[in-house]
Amino acid sequence: MSLLEEAVPVPRSRVVPSLEPVRDRVGYAAVFAEHRASVLGLAFVLCGDRHVAEDVAAEAFARVWPHWRAGRVADDRSYLRKAVVNEVRSRWRRRAVERRE
């Protein structure tokens, strides 16, 4: 028997390193530091209240995190801006429903 025939098979995932980018909290902290001001500014322009804008920005970063970590975010800035717009719209809708009730 040759050495190859006696070798224990190793799953391919353990032989070939993943080509997926490493996306960890340190990396996301850098994304946060880079985009915090613009995300907060956009939130403020859309809602007009500093405290609400801070909540919206925090929620946007929290919602983007799992997508970013999974490698599904190609453009951080665009993804975060869309998350802010979606969060503000959601709050507007919620407020409209509350007014009707």
PDB file of N, CA and C in Angstrom:
ATOM      1  N   MET A   1       0.836  -1.191   0.000  1.00  0.00           N
ATOM      2  CA  MET A   1       0.000   0.000   0.000  1.00  0.00           C
ATOM      3  C   MET A   1       0.872   1.242   0.000  1.00  0.00           C
ATOM      4  N   SER A   2       0.415   2.204  -0.743  1.00  0.00           N
ATOM      5  CA  SER A   2       1.161   3.456  -0.770  1.00  0.00           C
ATOM      6  C   SER A   2       0.707   4.341   0.385  1.00  0.00           C
ATOM      7  N   LEU A   3       1.470   5.371   0.596  1.00  0.00           N
ATOM      8  CA  LEU A   3       1.158   6.317   1.662  1.00  0.00           C
ATOM      9  C   LEU A   3      -0.192   6.995   1.431  1.00  0.00           C
ATOM     10  N   LEU A   4      -0.512   7.287   0.185  1.00  0.00           N
ATOM     11  CA  LEU A   4      -1.786   7.933  -0.134  1.00  0.00           C
ATOM     12  C   LEU A   4      -2.971   7.032   0.180  1.00  0.00           C
ATOM     13  N   GLU A   5      -2.827   5.759  -0.077  1.00  0.00           N
ATOM     14  CA  GLU A   5      -3.926   4.834   0.177  1.00  0.00           C
ATOM     15  C   GLU A   5      -4.171   4.655   1.672  1.00  0.00           C
ATOM     16  N   GLU A   6      -3.112   4.782   2.469  1.00  0.00           N
ATOM     17  CA  GLU A   6      -3.244   4.614   3.912  1.00  0.00           C
ATOM     18  C   GLU A   6      -3.701   5.896   4.610  1.00  0.00           C
ATOM     19  N   ALA A   7      -3.601   6.991   3.930  1.00  0.00           N
ATOM     20  CA  ALA A   7      -3.935   8.277   4.549  1.00  0.00           C
ATOM     21  C   ALA A   7      -5.421   8.359   4.875  1.00  0.00           C
ATOM     22  N   VAL A   8      -5.688   9.032   5.952  1.00  0.00           N
ATOM     23  CA  VAL A   8      -7.075   9.253   6.358  1.00  0.00           C
ATOM     24  C   VAL A   8      -7.628  10.398   5.521  1.00  0.00           C
ATOM     25  N   PRO A   9      -8.793  10.206   4.923  1.00  0.00           N
ATOM     26  CA  PRO A   9      -9.357  11.299   4.121  1.00  0.00           C
ATOM     27  C   PRO A   9      -9.659  12.525   4.993  1.00  0.00           C
ATOM     28  N   VAL A  10      -9.317  13.672   4.466  1.00  0.00           N
ATOM     29  CA  VAL A  10      -9.555  14.935   5.162  1.00  0.00           C
ATOM     30  C   VAL A  10     -10.572  15.721   4.350  1.00  0.00           C
ATOM     31  N   PRO A  11     -11.609  16.213   5.002  1.00  0.00           N
ATOM     32  CA  PRO A  11     -12.596  17.005   4.249  1.00  0.00           C
ATOM     33  C   PRO A  11     -11.933  18.167   3.522  1.00  0.00           C
ATOM     34  N   ARG A  12     -12.418  18.448   2.332  1.00  0.00           N
ATOM     35  CA  ARG A  12     -11.841  19.508   1.507  1.00  0.00           C
ATOM     36  C   ARG A  12     -11.832  20.856   2.232  1.00  0.00           C
ATOM     37  N   SER A  13     -12.842  21.118   3.038  1.00  0.00           N
ATOM     38  CA  SER A  13     -12.902  22.401   3.738  1.00  0.00           C
ATOM     39  C   SER A  13     -11.727  22.585   4.694  1.00  0.00           C
ATOM     40  N   ARG A  14     -11.123  21.510   5.132  1.00  0.00           N
ATOM     41  CA  ARG A  14      -9.977  21.619   6.039  1.00  0.00           C
ATOM     42  C   ARG A  14      -8.667  21.712   5.269  1.00  0.00           C
ATOM     43  N   VAL A  15      -8.685  21.296   4.010  1.00  0.00           N
ATOM     44  CA  VAL A  15      -7.468  21.331   3.196  1.00  0.00           C
ATOM     45  C   VAL A  15      -7.320  22.681   2.513  1.00  0.00           C
ATOM     46  N   VAL A  16      -8.397  23.156   1.913  1.00  0.00           N
ATOM     47  CA  VAL A  16      -8.377  24.410   1.173  1.00  0.00           C
ATOM     48  C   VAL A  16      -8.937  25.510   2.073  1.00  0.00           C
ATOM     49  N   PRO A  17      -8.147  26.525   2.348  1.00  0.00           N
ATOM     50  CA  PRO A  17      -8.662  27.599   3.201  1.00  0.00           C
ATOM     51  C   PRO A  17      -9.810  28.334   2.518  1.00  0.00           C
ATOM     52  N   SER A  18     -10.704  28.831   3.304  1.00  0.00           N
ATOM     53  CA  SER A  18     -11.853  29.558   2.782  1.00  0.00           C
ATOM     54  C   SER A  18     -11.402  30.850   2.115  1.00  0.00           C
ATOM     55  N   LEU A  19     -12.027  31.167   1.013  1.00  0.00           N
ATOM     56  CA  LEU A  19     -11.731  32.416   0.324  1.00  0.00           C
ATOM     57  C   LEU A  19     -12.643  33.536   0.807  1.00  0.00           C
ATOM     58  N   GLU A  20     -13.553  33.204   1.716  1.00  0.00           N
ATOM     59  CA  GLU A  20     -14.444  34.213   2.280  1.00  0.00           C
ATOM     60  C   GLU A  20     -13.643  35.211   3.099  1.00  0.00           C
ATOM     61  N   PRO A  21     -13.985  36.488   3.003  1.00  0.00           N
ATOM     62  CA  PRO A  21     -13.269  37.481   3.805  1.00  0.00           C
ATOM     63  C   PRO A  21     -13.562  37.287   5.288  1.00  0.00           C
ATOM     64  N   VAL A  22     -12.569  37.556   6.090  1.00  0.00           N
ATOM     65  CA  VAL A  22     -12.762  37.481   7.534  1.00  0.00           C
ATOM     66  C   VAL A  22     -13.475  38.756   7.951  1.00  0.00           C
ATOM     67  N   ARG A  23     -14.637  38.609   8.487  1.00  0.00           N
ATOM     68  CA  ARG A  23     -15.435  39.770   8.875  1.00  0.00           C
ATOM     69  C   ARG A  23     -15.743  39.639  10.355  1.00  0.00           C
ATOM     70  N   ASP A  24     -15.042  40.427  11.132  1.00  0.00           N
ATOM     71  CA  ASP A  24     -15.190  40.349  12.574  1.00  0.00           C
ATOM     72  C   ASP A  24     -15.583  41.697  13.155  1.00  0.00           C
ATOM     73  N   ARG A  25     -15.697  41.742  14.460  1.00  0.00           N
ATOM     74  CA  ARG A  25     -16.115  42.976  15.130  1.00  0.00           C
ATOM     75  C   ARG A  25     -15.101  44.094  14.949  1.00  0.00           C
ATOM     76  N   VAL A  26     -13.837  43.751  14.900  1.00  0.00           N
ATOM     77  CA  VAL A  26     -12.806  44.782  14.709  1.00  0.00           C
ATOM     78  C   VAL A  26     -12.975  45.431  13.341  1.00  0.00           C
ATOM     79  N   GLY A  27     -13.231  44.619  12.334  1.00  0.00           N
ATOM     80  CA  GLY A  27     -13.463  45.147  10.992  1.00  0.00           C
ATOM     81  C   GLY A  27     -14.710  46.008  10.926  1.00  0.00           C
ATOM     82  N   TYR A  28     -15.759  45.570  11.619  1.00  0.00           N
ATOM     83  CA  TYR A  28     -16.996  46.351  11.612  1.00  0.00           C
ATOM     84  C   TYR A  28     -16.829  47.635  12.407  1.00  0.00           C
ATOM     85  N   ALA A  29     -15.988  47.606  13.415  1.00  0.00           N
ATOM     86  CA  ALA A  29     -15.693  48.837  14.166  1.00  0.00           C
ATOM     87  C   ALA A  29     -15.049  49.869  13.244  1.00  0.00           C
ATOM     88  N   ALA A  30     -14.220  49.399  12.320  1.00  0.00           N
ATOM     89  CA  ALA A  30     -13.606  50.306  11.346  1.00  0.00           C
ATOM     90  C   ALA A  30     -14.665  50.870  10.395  1.00  0.00           C
ATOM     91  N   VAL A  31     -15.606  50.028   9.986  1.00  0.00           N
ATOM     92  CA  VAL A  31     -16.712  50.491   9.137  1.00  0.00           C
ATOM     93  C   VAL A  31     -17.520  51.538   9.896  1.00  0.00           C
ATOM     94  N   PHE A  32     -17.797  51.263  11.163  1.00  0.00           N
ATOM     95  CA  PHE A  32     -18.540  52.210  12.002  1.00  0.00           C
ATOM     96  C   PHE A  32     -17.810  53.547  12.085  1.00  0.00           C
ATOM     97  N   ALA A  33     -16.516  53.490  12.365  1.00  0.00           N
ATOM     98  CA  ALA A  33     -15.730  54.724  12.506  1.00  0.00           C
ATOM     99  C   ALA A  33     -15.719  55.528  11.207  1.00  0.00           C
ATOM    100  N   GLU A  34     -15.642  54.818  10.091  1.00  0.00           N
ATOM    101  CA  GLU A  34     -15.581  55.499   8.795  1.00  0.00           C
ATOM    102  C   GLU A  34     -16.912  56.147   8.404  1.00  0.00           C
ATOM    103  N   HIS A  35     -18.019  55.496   8.728  1.00  0.00           N
ATOM    104  CA  HIS A  35     -19.320  55.943   8.211  1.00  0.00           C
ATOM    105  C   HIS A  35     -20.245  56.555   9.261  1.00  0.00           C
ATOM    106  N   ARG A  36     -19.828  56.581  10.501  1.00  0.00           N
ATOM    107  CA  ARG A  36     -20.693  57.060  11.583  1.00  0.00           C
ATOM    108  C   ARG A  36     -21.248  58.459  11.314  1.00  0.00           C
ATOM    109  N   ALA A  37     -20.382  59.390  10.975  1.00  0.00           N
ATOM    110  CA  ALA A  37     -20.813  60.782  10.786  1.00  0.00           C
ATOM    111  C   ALA A  37     -21.806  60.916   9.633  1.00  0.00           C
ATOM    112  N   SER A  38     -21.543  60.257   8.521  1.00  0.00           N
ATOM    113  CA  SER A  38     -22.451  60.388   7.373  1.00  0.00           C
ATOM    114  C   SER A  38     -23.787  59.696   7.636  1.00  0.00           C
ATOM    115  N   VAL A  39     -23.759  58.566   8.325  1.00  0.00           N
ATOM    116  CA  VAL A  39     -25.002  57.864   8.660  1.00  0.00           C
ATOM    117  C   VAL A  39     -25.839  58.713   9.615  1.00  0.00           C
ATOM    118  N   LEU A  40     -25.188  59.266  10.618  1.00  0.00           N
ATOM    119  CA  LEU A  40     -25.887  60.120  11.581  1.00  0.00           C
ATOM    120  C   LEU A  40     -26.427  61.384  10.904  1.00  0.00           C
ATOM    121  N   GLY A  41     -25.640  61.961  10.010  1.00  0.00           N
ATOM    122  CA  GLY A  41     -26.083  63.151   9.279  1.00  0.00           C
ATOM    123  C   GLY A  41     -27.298  62.876   8.418  1.00  0.00           C
ATOM    124  N   LEU A  42     -27.277  61.762   7.702  1.00  0.00           N
ATOM    125  CA  LEU A  42     -28.424  61.401   6.868  1.00  0.00           C
ATOM    126  C   LEU A  42     -29.660  61.171   7.733  1.00  0.00           C
ATOM    127  N   ALA A  43     -29.488  60.472   8.824  1.00  0.00           N
ATOM    128  CA  ALA A  43     -30.620  60.215   9.722  1.00  0.00           C
ATOM    129  C   ALA A  43     -31.199  61.528  10.239  1.00  0.00           C
ATOM    130  N   PHE A  44     -30.332  62.467  10.578  1.00  0.00           N
ATOM    131  CA  PHE A  44     -30.806  63.761  11.082  1.00  0.00           C
ATOM    132  C   PHE A  44     -31.560  64.534  10.001  1.00  0.00           C
ATOM    133  N   VAL A  45     -31.032  64.533   8.784  1.00  0.00           N
ATOM    134  CA  VAL A  45     -31.700  65.233   7.677  1.00  0.00           C
ATOM    135  C   VAL A  45     -33.089  64.640   7.435  1.00  0.00           C
ATOM    136  N   LEU A  46     -33.205  63.331   7.539  1.00  0.00           N
ATOM    137  CA  LEU A  46     -34.484  62.679   7.257  1.00  0.00           C
ATOM    138  C   LEU A  46     -35.512  62.825   8.375  1.00  0.00           C
ATOM    139  N   CYS A  47     -35.049  62.864   9.626  1.00  0.00           N
ATOM    140  CA  CYS A  47     -36.031  62.897  10.717  1.00  0.00           C
ATOM    141  C   CYS A  47     -36.057  64.214  11.483  1.00  0.00           C
ATOM    142  N   GLY A  48     -35.010  65.025  11.393  1.00  0.00           N
ATOM    143  CA  GLY A  48     -35.027  66.348  11.991  1.00  0.00           C
ATOM    144  C   GLY A  48     -34.859  66.424  13.494  1.00  0.00           C
ATOM    145  N   ASP A  49     -34.554  65.330  14.139  1.00  0.00           N
ATOM    146  CA  ASP A  49     -34.395  65.310  15.592  1.00  0.00           C
ATOM    147  C   ASP A  49     -33.104  64.558  15.921  1.00  0.00           C
ATOM    148  N   ARG A  50     -32.225  65.206  16.660  1.00  0.00           N
ATOM    149  CA  ARG A  50     -30.913  64.616  16.933  1.00  0.00           C
ATOM    150  C   ARG A  50     -31.016  63.287  17.684  1.00  0.00           C
ATOM    151  N   HIS A  51     -31.872  63.233  18.683  1.00  0.00           N
ATOM    152  CA  HIS A  51     -31.994  62.013  19.484  1.00  0.00           C
ATOM    153  C   HIS A  51     -32.584  60.861  18.673  1.00  0.00           C
ATOM    154  N   VAL A  52     -33.581  61.167  17.878  1.00  0.00           N
ATOM    155  CA  VAL A  52     -34.163  60.146  17.009  1.00  0.00           C
ATOM    156  C   VAL A  52     -33.135  59.717  15.967  1.00  0.00           C
ATOM    157  N   ALA A  53     -32.377  60.669  15.435  1.00  0.00           N
ATOM    158  CA  ALA A  53     -31.340  60.352  14.445  1.00  0.00           C
ATOM    159  C   ALA A  53     -30.298  59.403  15.032  1.00  0.00           C
ATOM    160  N   GLU A  54     -29.926  59.610  16.283  1.00  0.00           N
ATOM    161  CA  GLU A  54     -28.966  58.705  16.931  1.00  0.00           C
ATOM    162  C   GLU A  54     -29.549  57.303  17.064  1.00  0.00           C
ATOM    163  N   ASP A  55     -30.830  57.214  17.410  1.00  0.00           N
ATOM    164  CA  ASP A  55     -31.491  55.906  17.495  1.00  0.00           C
ATOM    165  C   ASP A  55     -31.551  55.234  16.130  1.00  0.00           C
ATOM    166  N   VAL A  56     -31.892  56.012  15.110  1.00  0.00           N
ATOM    167  CA  VAL A  56     -31.980  55.481  13.746  1.00  0.00           C
ATOM    168  C   VAL A  56     -30.611  54.981  13.286  1.00  0.00           C
ATOM    169  N   ALA A  57     -29.573  55.759  13.520  1.00  0.00           N
ATOM    170  CA  ALA A  57     -28.219  55.359  13.116  1.00  0.00           C
ATOM    171  C   ALA A  57     -27.796  54.084  13.837  1.00  0.00           C
ATOM    172  N   ALA A  58     -28.054  54.016  15.131  1.00  0.00           N
ATOM    173  CA  ALA A  58     -27.697  52.817  15.896  1.00  0.00           C
ATOM    174  C   ALA A  58     -28.435  51.593  15.368  1.00  0.00           C
ATOM    175  N   GLU A  59     -29.710  51.764  15.079  1.00  0.00           N
ATOM    176  CA  GLU A  59     -30.503  50.655  14.549  1.00  0.00           C
ATOM    177  C   GLU A  59     -29.992  50.231  13.170  1.00  0.00           C
ATOM    178  N   ALA A  60     -29.622  51.192  12.343  1.00  0.00           N
ATOM    179  CA  ALA A  60     -29.095  50.872  11.012  1.00  0.00           C
ATOM    180  C   ALA A  60     -27.811  50.053  11.124  1.00  0.00           C
ATOM    181  N   PHE A  61     -26.892  50.485  11.968  1.00  0.00           N
ATOM    182  CA  PHE A  61     -25.650  49.725  12.145  1.00  0.00           C
ATOM    183  C   PHE A  61     -25.938  48.327  12.695  1.00  0.00           C
ATOM    184  N   ALA A  62     -26.875  48.223  13.611  1.00  0.00           N
ATOM    185  CA  ALA A  62     -27.218  46.917  14.187  1.00  0.00           C
ATOM    186  C   ALA A  62     -27.844  45.996  13.146  1.00  0.00           C
ATOM    187  N   ARG A  63     -28.673  46.542  12.279  1.00  0.00           N
ATOM    188  CA  ARG A  63     -29.322  45.720  11.251  1.00  0.00           C
ATOM    189  C   ARG A  63     -28.358  45.304  10.137  1.00  0.00           C
ATOM    190  N   VAL A  64     -27.385  46.132   9.851  1.00  0.00           N
ATOM    191  CA  VAL A  64     -26.428  45.817   8.785  1.00  0.00           C
ATOM    192  C   VAL A  64     -25.400  44.778   9.247  1.00  0.00           C
ATOM    193  N   TRP A  65     -25.076  44.760  10.523  1.00  0.00           N
ATOM    194  CA  TRP A  65     -24.029  43.880  11.063  1.00  0.00           C
ATOM    195  C   TRP A  65     -24.138  42.421  10.612  1.00  0.00           C
ATOM    196  N   PRO A  66     -25.283  41.736  10.768  1.00  0.00           N
ATOM    197  CA  PRO A  66     -25.304  40.326  10.360  1.00  0.00           C
ATOM    198  C   PRO A  66     -25.082  40.129   8.862  1.00  0.00           C
ATOM    199  N   HIS A  67     -25.561  41.059   8.055  1.00  0.00           N
ATOM    200  CA  HIS A  67     -25.361  40.964   6.602  1.00  0.00           C
ATOM    201  C   HIS A  67     -23.890  41.208   6.257  1.00  0.00           C
ATOM    202  N   TRP A  68     -23.288  42.187   6.921  1.00  0.00           N
ATOM    203  CA  TRP A  68     -21.876  42.504   6.692  1.00  0.00           C
ATOM    204  C   TRP A  68     -21.002  41.325   7.110  1.00  0.00           C
ATOM    205  N   ARG A  69     -21.302  40.764   8.272  1.00  0.00           N
ATOM    206  CA  ARG A  69     -20.506  39.648   8.795  1.00  0.00           C
ATOM    207  C   ARG A  69     -20.581  38.430   7.871  1.00  0.00           C
ATOM    208  N   ALA A  70     -21.741  38.226   7.255  1.00  0.00           N
ATOM    209  CA  ALA A  70     -21.915  37.091   6.354  1.00  0.00           C
ATOM    210  C   ALA A  70     -21.307  37.350   4.975  1.00  0.00           C
ATOM    211  N   GLY A  71     -20.784  38.547   4.748  1.00  0.00           N
ATOM    212  CA  GLY A  71     -20.148  38.856   3.473  1.00  0.00           C
ATOM    213  C   GLY A  71     -21.115  39.274   2.387  1.00  0.00           C
ATOM    214  N   ARG A  72     -22.329  39.665   2.765  1.00  0.00           N
ATOM    215  CA  ARG A  72     -23.335  40.036   1.767  1.00  0.00           C
ATOM    216  C   ARG A  72     -23.370  41.529   1.475  1.00  0.00           C
ATOM    217  N   VAL A  73     -22.466  42.293   2.061  1.00  0.00           N
ATOM    218  CA  VAL A  73     -22.444  43.744   1.850  1.00  0.00           C
ATOM    219  C   VAL A  73     -21.245  44.092   0.974  1.00  0.00           C
ATOM    220  N   ALA A  74     -21.523  44.492  -0.256  1.00  0.00           N
ATOM    221  CA  ALA A  74     -20.441  44.834  -1.180  1.00  0.00           C
ATOM    222  C   ALA A  74     -19.975  46.277  -0.993  1.00  0.00           C
ATOM    223  N   ASP A  75     -20.917  47.166  -0.723  1.00  0.00           N
ATOM    224  CA  ASP A  75     -20.609  48.589  -0.577  1.00  0.00           C
ATOM    225  C   ASP A  75     -21.161  49.067   0.766  1.00  0.00           C
ATOM    226  N   ASP A  76     -20.287  49.227   1.741  1.00  0.00           N
ATOM    227  CA  ASP A  76     -20.706  49.582   3.104  1.00  0.00           C
ATOM    228  C   ASP A  76     -21.558  50.842   3.127  1.00  0.00           C
ATOM    229  N   ARG A  77     -21.087  51.870   2.460  1.00  0.00           N
ATOM    230  CA  ARG A  77     -21.764  53.174   2.490  1.00  0.00           C
ATOM    231  C   ARG A  77     -23.194  53.074   1.959  1.00  0.00           C
ATOM    232  N   SER A  78     -23.355  52.471   0.802  1.00  0.00           N
ATOM    233  CA  SER A  78     -24.686  52.352   0.197  1.00  0.00           C
ATOM    234  C   SER A  78     -25.618  51.505   1.057  1.00  0.00           C
ATOM    235  N   TYR A  79     -25.096  50.419   1.573  1.00  0.00           N
ATOM    236  CA  TYR A  79     -25.908  49.518   2.390  1.00  0.00           C
ATOM    237  C   TYR A  79     -26.375  50.225   3.658  1.00  0.00           C
ATOM    238  N   LEU A  80     -25.475  50.976   4.283  1.00  0.00           N
ATOM    239  CA  LEU A  80     -25.833  51.709   5.499  1.00  0.00           C
ATOM    240  C   LEU A  80     -26.841  52.818   5.208  1.00  0.00           C
ATOM    241  N   ARG A  81     -26.646  53.527   4.104  1.00  0.00           N
ATOM    242  CA  ARG A  81     -27.586  54.599   3.742  1.00  0.00           C
ATOM    243  C   ARG A  81     -28.982  54.019   3.522  1.00  0.00           C
ATOM    244  N   LYS A  82     -29.063  52.900   2.837  1.00  0.00           N
ATOM    245  CA  LYS A  82     -30.359  52.260   2.594  1.00  0.00           C
ATOM    246  C   LYS A  82     -30.982  51.803   3.906  1.00  0.00           C
ATOM    247  N   ALA A  83     -30.169  51.300   4.824  1.00  0.00           N
ATOM    248  CA  ALA A  83     -30.680  50.879   6.133  1.00  0.00           C
ATOM    249  C   ALA A  83     -31.253  52.065   6.901  1.00  0.00           C
ATOM    250  N   VAL A  84     -30.608  53.217   6.801  1.00  0.00           N
ATOM    251  CA  VAL A  84     -31.114  54.429   7.462  1.00  0.00           C
ATOM    252  C   VAL A  84     -32.454  54.835   6.855  1.00  0.00           C
ATOM    253  N   VAL A  85     -32.520  54.887   5.550  1.00  0.00           N
ATOM    254  CA  VAL A  85     -33.769  55.264   4.872  1.00  0.00           C
ATOM    255  C   VAL A  85     -34.888  54.297   5.258  1.00  0.00           C
ATOM    256  N   ASN A  86     -34.594  53.007   5.260  1.00  0.00           N
ATOM    257  CA  ASN A  86     -35.607  52.014   5.625  1.00  0.00           C
ATOM    258  C   ASN A  86     -36.079  52.192   7.067  1.00  0.00           C
ATOM    259  N   GLU A  87     -35.155  52.452   7.969  1.00  0.00           N
ATOM    260  CA  GLU A  87     -35.512  52.636   9.378  1.00  0.00           C
ATOM    261  C   GLU A  87     -36.377  53.879   9.570  1.00  0.00           C
ATOM    262  N   VAL A  88     -36.026  54.967   8.901  1.00  0.00           N
ATOM    263  CA  VAL A  88     -36.836  56.188   9.014  1.00  0.00           C
ATOM    264  C   VAL A  88     -38.232  55.950   8.443  1.00  0.00           C
ATOM    265  N   ARG A  89     -38.319  55.295   7.298  1.00  0.00           N
ATOM    266  CA  ARG A  89     -39.633  54.982   6.708  1.00  0.00           C
ATOM    267  C   ARG A  89     -40.463  54.124   7.659  1.00  0.00           C
ATOM    268  N   SER A  90     -39.817  53.151   8.250  1.00  0.00           N
ATOM    269  CA  SER A  90     -40.511  52.274   9.189  1.00  0.00           C
ATOM    270  C   SER A  90     -41.070  53.066  10.361  1.00  0.00           C
ATOM    271  N   ARG A  91     -40.296  54.003  10.873  1.00  0.00           N
ATOM    272  CA  ARG A  91     -40.764  54.845  11.984  1.00  0.00           C
ATOM    273  C   ARG A  91     -41.914  55.745  11.547  1.00  0.00           C
ATOM    274  N   TRP A  92     -41.846  56.282  10.324  1.00  0.00           N
ATOM    275  CA  TRP A  92     -42.941  57.117   9.818  1.00  0.00           C
ATOM    276  C   TRP A  92     -44.229  56.295   9.722  1.00  0.00           C
ATOM    277  N   ARG A  93     -44.099  55.090   9.167  1.00  0.00           N
ATOM    278  CA  ARG A  93     -45.278  54.232   9.029  1.00  0.00           C
ATOM    279  C   ARG A  93     -45.872  53.898  10.397  1.00  0.00           C
ATOM    280  N   ARG A  94     -45.004  53.547  11.332  1.00  0.00           N
ATOM    281  CA  ARG A  94     -45.454  53.215  12.681  1.00  0.00           C
ATOM    282  C   ARG A  94     -46.199  54.399  13.305  1.00  0.00           C
ATOM    283  N   ARG A  95     -45.642  55.577  13.136  1.00  0.00           N
ATOM    284  CA  ARG A  95     -46.268  56.787  13.684  1.00  0.00           C
ATOM    285  C   ARG A  95     -47.625  57.044  13.016  1.00  0.00           C
ATOM    286  N   ALA A  96     -47.716  56.826  11.714  1.00  0.00           N
ATOM    287  CA  ALA A  96     -48.984  57.030  11.002  1.00  0.00           C
ATOM    288  C   ALA A  96     -50.051  56.058  11.505  1.00  0.00           C
ATOM    289  N   VAL A  97     -49.670  54.821  11.745  1.00  0.00           N
ATOM    290  CA  VAL A  97     -50.616  53.828  12.258  1.00  0.00           C
ATOM    291  C   VAL A  97     -51.069  54.212  13.660  1.00  0.00           C
ATOM    292  N   GLU A  98     -50.139  54.661  14.488  1.00  0.00           N
ATOM    293  CA  GLU A  98     -50.484  55.058  15.858  1.00  0.00           C
ATOM    294  C   GLU A  98     -51.448  56.240  15.864  1.00  0.00           C
ATOM    295  N   ARG A  99     -51.293  57.150  14.934  1.00  0.00           N
ATOM    296  CA  ARG A  99     -52.183  58.318  14.861  1.00  0.00           C
ATOM    297  C   ARG A  99     -53.598  57.911  14.468  1.00  0.00           C
ATOM    298  N   ARG A 100     -53.705  56.914  13.597  1.00  0.00           N
ATOM    299  CA  ARG A 100     -55.020  56.461  13.142  1.00  0.00           C
ATOM    300  C   ARG A 100     -55.786  55.734  14.243  1.00  0.00           C
ATOM    301  N   GLU A 101     -55.071  55.140  15.161  1.00  0.00           N
ATOM    302  CA  GLU A 101     -55.732  54.339  16.207  1.00  0.00           C
ATOM    303  C   GLU A 101     -56.295  55.164  17.305  1.00  0.00           C
TER     304      GLU A 101
END
